[in-house]
């Protein structure tokens, strides 16, 4: 590995999950320093600080901050590295891929963000909310690049790249762009805006994602980088359920005016006039709301509110047909060792649990770590 990347993690009252991932990085001989922004209560903060004493192979910089607003801007002056990545406190990353992302950005100035593939995992029922457990299922590797030179084309593709399958909205395979390698300077620009908001609210999601997308092209390397644990421990948004509740909340107007002003100033730095920037920010917000309203359309249908939606395009049907043919070919090939070798020579498996998959070795490192410590 070459480039060191600052791993920035906001956390609150989950010391066992933070210590889990730090132990994994130590096992992997990670060179990347970790910066913790902890809003835990006194008991959990003490437990985390005691556990940090066990970490010897890389630097851990700890800062306690009061809960509420996004306080990562207070942590950034401590960061010495050129590149950073924010991550969830209950997720795990592959250190080598993080370095490769930073190396890519260093040699490709037209790109502002880079990541590897993401796999989401779920433990079996008895381990579901625990830091260690037996993985019951996992997704295929997720994520694809956004490489259009036009920032407006990129943002539209991100928020509204969808197809319909059996009349249900399905958003296509773009990585969760919050968890990507980017420059610390870009991170500072973001946090000077998001410091006005909570880490778990609509405006925060809208700003963080949209700024990362418009800041430059996004590259997803064909390597596993991010393993996200899906459980009941995920932080919940502050709003009550739907997007409509967020829009009619008493403090929406006040928050929107801050968001509009700060975000439009960022857009101006991308070469747009003040007038253009204000229009762009409103347009992006409409895209964001459209995505969320479409996601919530199934809830409306349960109330008898049916939404007419466009039919899937021919390209979408073609993709589904091809996937069906691939499944049949794989099933046929699996009956013979010779055919199996020939099949996987030309069709690389995306199942991360299969030795034929290019993601297998990295995923196995995470899987073995989580499952071998399940009863520890």
Protein backbone atom coordinates (compact mmCIF):
# COMPACT_ATOMS: atom_id res chain seq x y z
CA UNK A 1 0.00 0.00 0.00
CA UNK A 2 1.14 3.54 -0.65
CA UNK A 3 -1.15 6.46 0.08
CA UNK A 4 -2.43 6.95 3.62
CA UNK A 5 -6.07 8.00 3.86
CA UNK A 6 -7.76 9.52 6.88
CA UNK A 7 -10.70 7.33 7.96
CA UNK A 8 -13.26 9.64 9.59
CA UNK A 9 -15.99 8.04 11.67
CA UNK A 10 -18.82 9.79 13.52
CA UNK A 11 -20.21 7.53 16.25
CA UNK A 12 -22.56 7.53 19.22
CA UNK A 13 -23.05 4.83 21.86
CA UNK A 14 -21.70 1.93 19.77
CA UNK A 15 -18.22 1.25 21.17
CA UNK A 16 -18.35 -2.49 20.39
CA UNK A 17 -18.87 -1.82 16.66
CA UNK A 18 -16.13 0.82 16.47
CA UNK A 19 -13.66 -1.45 18.27
CA UNK A 20 -14.65 -4.30 15.96
CA UNK A 21 -13.58 -2.49 12.84
CA UNK A 22 -10.41 -1.13 14.44
CA UNK A 23 -9.40 -4.69 15.38
CA UNK A 24 -9.98 -5.75 11.79
CA UNK A 25 -7.72 -2.95 10.49
CA UNK A 26 -5.04 -3.94 12.98
CA UNK A 27 -5.30 -7.54 11.76
CA UNK A 28 -4.89 -6.27 8.17
CA UNK A 29 -1.87 -4.10 9.11
CA UNK A 30 -3.73 -1.03 7.89
CA UNK A 31 -1.59 2.12 7.57
CA UNK A 32 -4.59 4.45 7.62
CA UNK A 33 -5.12 6.69 10.67
CA UNK A 34 -8.63 6.74 12.12
CA UNK A 35 -10.29 9.94 13.35
CA UNK A 36 -13.23 9.41 15.70
CA UNK A 37 -15.94 11.99 16.36
CA UNK A 38 -17.70 10.50 19.38
CA UNK A 39 -21.01 11.77 20.79
CA UNK A 40 -21.50 8.88 23.23
CA UNK A 41 -22.71 9.12 26.79
CA UNK A 42 -20.12 8.92 29.57
CA UNK A 43 -20.31 5.13 29.98
CA UNK A 44 -19.91 4.30 26.29
CA UNK A 45 -17.27 6.98 25.73
CA UNK A 46 -15.19 5.47 28.57
CA UNK A 47 -15.61 1.97 27.14
CA UNK A 48 -14.46 3.16 23.72
CA UNK A 49 -11.43 5.06 25.06
CA UNK A 50 -10.37 2.05 27.12
CA UNK A 51 -10.62 -0.18 24.05
CA UNK A 52 -8.52 2.22 21.97
CA UNK A 53 -5.54 1.45 24.21
CA UNK A 54 -5.35 -1.99 22.53
CA UNK A 55 -4.79 -0.48 19.07
CA UNK A 56 -1.03 -0.25 18.41
CA UNK A 57 -0.39 -0.51 14.64
CA UNK A 58 -1.97 2.73 13.43
CA UNK A 59 -2.95 6.09 14.87
CA UNK A 60 -6.40 6.71 16.33
CA UNK A 61 -7.31 10.34 16.99
CA UNK A 62 -10.27 10.69 19.34
CA UNK A 63 -12.52 13.72 19.84
CA UNK A 64 -15.67 13.91 21.93
CA UNK A 65 -18.38 16.27 20.63
CA UNK A 66 -21.91 16.96 21.86
CA UNK A 67 -24.69 15.09 20.03
CA UNK A 68 -26.92 16.93 17.58
CA UNK A 69 -25.39 18.85 14.69
CA UNK A 70 -22.77 17.50 12.28
CA UNK A 71 -19.55 18.18 14.19
CA UNK A 72 -17.09 16.64 11.76
CA UNK A 73 -15.87 20.12 10.83
CA UNK A 74 -14.29 20.26 14.30
CA UNK A 75 -12.32 17.08 13.59
CA UNK A 76 -10.89 18.11 10.21
CA UNK A 77 -8.22 20.54 11.54
CA UNK A 78 -6.58 17.47 13.15
CA UNK A 79 -6.31 15.60 9.84
CA UNK A 80 -2.83 15.56 8.30
CA UNK A 81 -3.54 13.45 5.21
CA UNK A 82 -4.47 14.75 1.73
CA UNK A 83 -7.36 12.30 1.25
CA UNK A 84 -10.08 11.06 3.57
CA UNK A 85 -13.14 8.86 3.68
CA UNK A 86 -16.15 8.98 5.98
CA UNK A 87 -17.65 5.66 7.00
CA UNK A 88 -20.31 4.19 9.25
CA UNK A 89 -19.27 3.02 12.69
CA UNK A 90 -20.74 -0.46 12.13
CA UNK A 91 -19.17 -1.07 8.71
CA UNK A 92 -15.79 -2.46 7.60
CA UNK A 93 -13.47 -1.48 4.75
CA UNK A 94 -10.57 -3.15 2.92
CA UNK A 95 -7.48 -0.99 3.66
CA UNK A 96 -5.64 -1.83 0.43
CA UNK A 97 -8.55 -0.69 -1.74
CA UNK A 98 -8.73 2.62 0.12
CA UNK A 99 -5.10 3.30 -0.83
CA UNK A 100 -5.78 2.39 -4.45
CA UNK A 101 -8.68 4.87 -4.53
CA UNK A 102 -6.41 7.66 -3.30
CA UNK A 103 -3.74 6.68 -5.84
CA UNK A 104 -6.37 6.83 -8.59
CA UNK A 105 -7.46 10.34 -7.59
CA UNK A 106 -3.85 11.46 -7.46
CA UNK A 107 -3.30 10.46 -11.10
CA UNK A 108 -6.75 11.43 -12.46
CA UNK A 109 -7.44 15.11 -11.68
CA UNK A 110 -10.77 15.03 -13.53
CA UNK A 111 -12.18 12.82 -10.78
CA UNK A 112 -13.03 14.08 -7.30
CA UNK A 113 -14.28 10.85 -5.70
CA UNK A 114 -13.35 7.18 -5.88
CA UNK A 115 -14.43 3.97 -4.19
CA UNK A 116 -14.44 0.22 -4.63
CA UNK A 117 -17.40 -2.12 -4.68
CA UNK A 118 -19.78 -2.39 -1.73
CA UNK A 119 -21.36 -5.56 -0.31
CA UNK A 120 -24.17 -5.46 2.25
CA UNK A 121 -24.40 -8.30 4.76
CA UNK A 122 -26.97 -9.57 7.25
CA UNK A 123 -26.23 -11.84 10.19
CA UNK A 124 -28.48 -14.76 11.10
CA UNK A 125 -31.44 -13.91 13.31
CA UNK A 126 -29.78 -14.64 16.66
CA UNK A 127 -26.79 -12.44 15.78
CA UNK A 128 -28.70 -9.77 13.87
CA UNK A 129 -27.81 -6.73 16.00
CA UNK A 130 -24.51 -7.99 17.37
CA UNK A 131 -21.00 -6.89 16.33
CA UNK A 132 -20.02 -10.47 15.44
CA UNK A 133 -22.07 -13.28 13.98
CA UNK A 134 -22.72 -15.76 11.20
CA UNK A 135 -23.46 -14.09 7.86
CA UNK A 136 -26.80 -15.40 6.63
CA UNK A 137 -26.82 -13.57 3.31
CA UNK A 138 -25.00 -10.92 1.35
CA UNK A 139 -25.63 -8.85 -1.76
CA UNK A 140 -23.69 -8.99 -4.98
CA UNK A 141 -20.99 -6.29 -5.27
CA UNK A 142 -22.72 -2.92 -5.67
CA UNK A 143 -21.58 0.27 -7.33
CA UNK A 144 -20.78 1.82 -10.69
CA UNK A 145 -19.04 4.99 -11.80
CA UNK A 146 -20.49 8.39 -12.72
CA UNK A 147 -18.16 9.63 -15.45
CA UNK A 148 -20.13 12.16 -17.46
CA UNK A 149 -18.16 15.41 -17.77
CA UNK A 150 -21.37 17.41 -17.22
CA UNK A 151 -22.14 17.77 -13.52
CA UNK A 152 -25.87 18.17 -14.14
CA UNK A 153 -25.97 14.94 -16.14
CA UNK A 154 -24.17 13.17 -13.27
CA UNK A 155 -26.57 14.44 -10.61
CA UNK A 156 -29.62 13.51 -12.67
CA UNK A 157 -28.19 10.04 -13.27
CA UNK A 158 -27.52 9.58 -9.57
CA UNK A 159 -30.91 10.64 -8.22
CA UNK A 160 -33.14 9.34 -11.01
CA UNK A 161 -31.45 6.34 -12.63
CA UNK A 162 -34.27 3.85 -12.16
CA UNK A 163 -36.19 1.09 -13.87
CA UNK A 164 -39.54 -0.52 -13.17
CA UNK A 165 -39.75 -4.22 -12.46
CA UNK A 166 -43.30 -5.56 -12.14
CA UNK A 167 -44.49 -1.97 -11.62
CA UNK A 168 -42.11 -1.51 -8.68
CA UNK A 169 -39.45 1.20 -8.64
CA UNK A 170 -35.92 -0.17 -8.66
CA UNK A 171 -32.98 2.22 -8.45
CA UNK A 172 -29.95 1.09 -10.40
CA UNK A 173 -26.57 0.06 -9.14
CA UNK A 174 -24.78 3.26 -8.13
CA UNK A 175 -22.62 3.08 -5.00
CA UNK A 176 -23.67 4.84 -1.83
CA UNK A 177 -21.49 7.85 -2.60
CA UNK A 178 -21.28 9.12 0.99
CA UNK A 179 -18.61 6.49 1.67
CA UNK A 180 -15.98 7.36 -0.93
CA UNK A 181 -12.40 8.60 -0.91
CA UNK A 182 -12.14 12.34 -1.55
CA UNK A 183 -9.72 15.18 -0.79
CA UNK A 184 -9.68 16.69 2.69
CA UNK A 185 -10.14 20.11 1.08
CA UNK A 186 -13.41 18.95 -0.47
CA UNK A 187 -14.43 17.47 2.87
CA UNK A 188 -13.83 20.81 4.59
CA UNK A 189 -16.02 22.57 2.02
CA UNK A 190 -18.80 20.07 2.68
CA UNK A 191 -18.61 20.19 6.47
CA UNK A 192 -18.62 23.99 6.55
CA UNK A 193 -22.11 23.68 5.06
CA UNK A 194 -23.42 20.57 6.83
CA UNK A 195 -22.37 21.83 10.29
CA UNK A 196 -25.74 23.61 10.37
CA UNK A 197 -27.62 20.30 10.30
CA UNK A 198 -27.94 16.94 12.02
CA UNK A 199 -26.11 13.91 10.61
CA UNK A 200 -29.48 12.12 10.39
CA UNK A 201 -31.85 14.37 8.49
CA UNK A 202 -33.05 14.87 4.92
CA UNK A 203 -31.15 18.12 4.28
CA UNK A 204 -27.91 16.46 5.37
CA UNK A 205 -28.39 13.54 2.97
CA UNK A 206 -29.32 15.89 0.13
CA UNK A 207 -26.29 18.12 0.63
CA UNK A 208 -23.63 15.49 1.23
CA UNK A 209 -24.54 13.33 -1.73
CA UNK A 210 -25.27 16.17 -4.16
CA UNK A 211 -22.05 18.06 -3.42
CA UNK A 212 -19.96 14.93 -3.87
CA UNK A 213 -21.62 14.20 -7.22
CA UNK A 214 -21.28 17.69 -8.70
CA UNK A 215 -17.72 18.21 -7.42
CA UNK A 216 -16.27 15.97 -10.14
CA UNK A 217 -16.43 12.58 -11.79
CA UNK A 218 -16.83 9.46 -9.63
CA UNK A 219 -14.86 6.25 -10.22
CA UNK A 220 -15.70 2.84 -8.80
CA UNK A 221 -12.74 0.46 -8.95
CA UNK A 222 -13.51 -3.19 -9.65
CA UNK A 223 -12.35 -4.31 -6.20
CA UNK A 224 -14.17 -4.86 -2.93
CA UNK A 225 -13.82 -1.91 -0.57
CA UNK A 226 -16.86 -1.51 1.69
CA UNK A 227 -18.82 -4.08 3.70
CA UNK A 228 -21.99 -2.65 5.23
CA UNK A 229 -23.83 -4.52 7.98
CA UNK A 230 -27.60 -4.20 7.70
CA UNK A 231 -29.22 -4.47 11.12
CA UNK A 232 -31.63 -2.82 13.49
CA UNK A 233 -28.75 -0.73 14.81
CA UNK A 234 -28.62 1.67 11.85
CA UNK A 235 -29.08 5.31 12.79
CA UNK A 236 -32.59 6.52 11.92
CA UNK A 237 -33.46 9.84 10.32
CA UNK A 238 -34.88 12.49 12.63
CA UNK A 239 -38.00 13.06 10.57
CA UNK A 240 -41.29 11.22 11.07
CA UNK A 241 -41.43 8.79 8.20
CA UNK A 242 -42.13 10.33 4.82
CA UNK A 243 -40.67 13.09 2.71
CA UNK A 244 -43.94 15.02 2.93
CA UNK A 245 -43.60 15.21 6.73
CA UNK A 246 -40.13 16.63 6.29
CA UNK A 247 -41.39 19.31 3.89
CA UNK A 248 -44.12 20.51 6.27
CA UNK A 249 -41.98 20.42 9.41
CA UNK A 250 -41.95 23.76 11.32
CA UNK A 251 -38.24 24.38 10.76
CA UNK A 252 -38.06 23.39 7.09
CA UNK A 253 -38.07 26.94 5.68
CA UNK A 254 -35.27 28.07 7.98
CA UNK A 255 -33.13 25.05 7.10
CA UNK A 256 -33.84 25.35 3.39
CA UNK A 257 -32.71 28.99 3.24
CA UNK A 258 -29.37 28.04 4.81
CA UNK A 259 -29.04 25.06 2.48
CA UNK A 260 -29.94 27.09 -0.62
CA UNK A 261 -27.48 29.89 0.18
CA UNK A 262 -24.53 27.68 1.13
CA UNK A 263 -25.03 25.11 -1.63
CA UNK A 264 -25.45 27.75 -4.35
CA UNK A 265 -22.16 29.33 -3.28
CA UNK A 266 -20.49 25.94 -3.74
CA UNK A 267 -22.06 25.59 -7.20
CA UNK A 268 -20.73 29.03 -8.15
CA UNK A 269 -17.22 27.71 -7.52
CA UNK A 270 -17.92 25.13 -10.25
CA UNK A 271 -18.15 27.98 -12.79
CA UNK A 272 -21.83 28.95 -12.60
CA UNK A 273 -23.26 32.43 -12.06
CA UNK A 274 -25.18 33.29 -8.89
CA UNK A 275 -28.48 33.20 -10.78
CA UNK A 276 -27.65 29.87 -12.45
CA UNK A 277 -26.48 28.39 -9.15
CA UNK A 278 -29.74 29.15 -7.35
CA UNK A 279 -31.72 27.53 -10.18
CA UNK A 280 -29.44 24.47 -10.17
CA UNK A 281 -29.80 23.97 -6.42
CA UNK A 282 -33.60 24.07 -6.66
CA UNK A 283 -33.55 21.71 -9.65
CA UNK A 284 -31.34 19.21 -7.80
CA UNK A 285 -33.67 19.37 -4.80
CA UNK A 286 -36.62 18.54 -7.07
CA UNK A 287 -34.68 15.49 -8.34
CA UNK A 288 -33.99 14.44 -4.76
CA UNK A 289 -37.65 14.78 -3.76
CA UNK A 290 -38.79 12.91 -6.86
CA UNK A 291 -36.59 9.96 -5.97
CA UNK A 292 -37.94 9.82 -2.43
CA UNK A 293 -41.57 10.20 -3.50
CA UNK A 294 -41.11 7.33 -5.95
CA UNK A 295 -39.56 5.20 -3.22
CA UNK A 296 -42.54 5.89 -0.98
CA UNK A 297 -45.12 5.20 -3.72
CA UNK A 298 -45.72 1.65 -2.46
CA UNK A 299 -46.81 3.09 0.91
CA UNK A 300 -49.26 5.35 -0.87
CA UNK A 301 -50.62 2.40 -2.86
CA UNK A 302 -51.54 0.70 0.43
CA UNK A 303 -53.87 3.66 1.06
CA UNK A 304 -55.47 3.28 -2.36
CA UNK A 305 -53.41 6.08 -3.92
CA UNK A 306 -52.15 4.67 -7.21
CA UNK A 307 -49.41 6.48 -9.14
CA UNK A 308 -49.17 6.09 -12.89
CA UNK A 309 -45.53 5.38 -13.74
CA UNK A 310 -43.73 4.98 -17.07
CA UNK A 311 -43.15 1.49 -18.33
CA UNK A 312 -39.62 0.04 -18.27
CA UNK A 313 -37.66 0.90 -21.39
CA UNK A 314 -36.59 -1.74 -23.90
CA UNK A 315 -33.03 -1.58 -22.63
CA UNK A 316 -34.24 -2.60 -19.18
CA UNK A 317 -36.14 -5.58 -20.64
CA UNK A 318 -33.06 -6.55 -22.63
CA UNK A 319 -30.92 -6.50 -19.50
CA UNK A 320 -33.41 -8.71 -17.66
CA UNK A 321 -33.48 -11.16 -20.60
CA UNK A 322 -29.70 -11.33 -20.66
CA UNK A 323 -29.56 -11.96 -16.93
CA UNK A 324 -32.01 -14.86 -17.39
CA UNK A 325 -29.83 -16.38 -20.13
CA UNK A 326 -26.71 -16.04 -17.96
CA UNK A 327 -28.47 -17.90 -15.13
CA UNK A 328 -29.44 -20.74 -17.46
CA UNK A 329 -25.92 -20.96 -18.88
CA UNK A 330 -24.38 -20.98 -15.41
CA UNK A 331 -26.78 -23.70 -14.25
CA UNK A 332 -25.95 -25.86 -17.27
CA UNK A 333 -22.20 -25.32 -16.90
CA UNK A 334 -22.24 -26.23 -13.20
CA UNK A 335 -23.04 -29.87 -14.05
CA UNK A 336 -19.53 -30.47 -15.41
CA UNK A 337 -16.10 -29.51 -14.06
CA UNK A 338 -14.82 -28.86 -17.59
CA UNK A 339 -17.83 -26.75 -18.51
CA UNK A 340 -17.62 -24.95 -15.17
CA UNK A 341 -13.98 -23.97 -15.85
CA UNK A 342 -14.84 -22.81 -19.37
CA UNK A 343 -17.86 -20.84 -18.16
CA UNK A 344 -16.00 -18.95 -15.43
CA UNK A 345 -13.12 -18.25 -17.78
CA UNK A 346 -15.46 -16.00 -19.77
CA UNK A 347 -18.06 -15.10 -17.10
CA UNK A 348 -16.46 -14.01 -13.85
CA UNK A 349 -18.68 -14.86 -10.88
CA UNK A 350 -20.06 -11.89 -8.94
CA UNK A 351 -21.02 -14.12 -5.99
CA UNK A 352 -18.47 -13.02 -3.37
CA UNK A 353 -18.70 -16.41 -1.63
CA UNK A 354 -17.44 -18.29 -4.71
CA UNK A 355 -13.66 -18.83 -5.15
CA UNK A 356 -14.10 -17.93 -8.84
CA UNK A 357 -15.10 -14.39 -7.86
CA UNK A 358 -12.46 -11.64 -8.00
CA UNK A 359 -13.94 -10.33 -4.74
CA UNK A 360 -13.74 -13.67 -2.92
CA UNK A 361 -10.43 -13.26 -1.08
CA UNK A 362 -11.23 -9.83 0.34
CA UNK A 363 -14.74 -10.81 1.34
CA UNK A 364 -13.46 -14.00 2.98
CA UNK A 365 -11.14 -11.92 5.18
CA UNK A 366 -14.14 -9.99 6.52
CA UNK A 367 -16.39 -13.04 6.75
CA UNK A 368 -13.82 -15.11 8.66
CA UNK A 369 -13.11 -12.24 11.04
CA UNK A 370 -16.79 -11.71 11.86
CA UNK A 371 -17.71 -15.38 12.17
CA UNK A 372 -14.64 -16.62 14.04
CA UNK A 373 -15.24 -13.98 16.72
CA UNK A 374 -18.98 -14.68 16.94
CA UNK A 375 -18.63 -16.76 20.11
CA UNK A 376 -15.70 -14.88 21.53
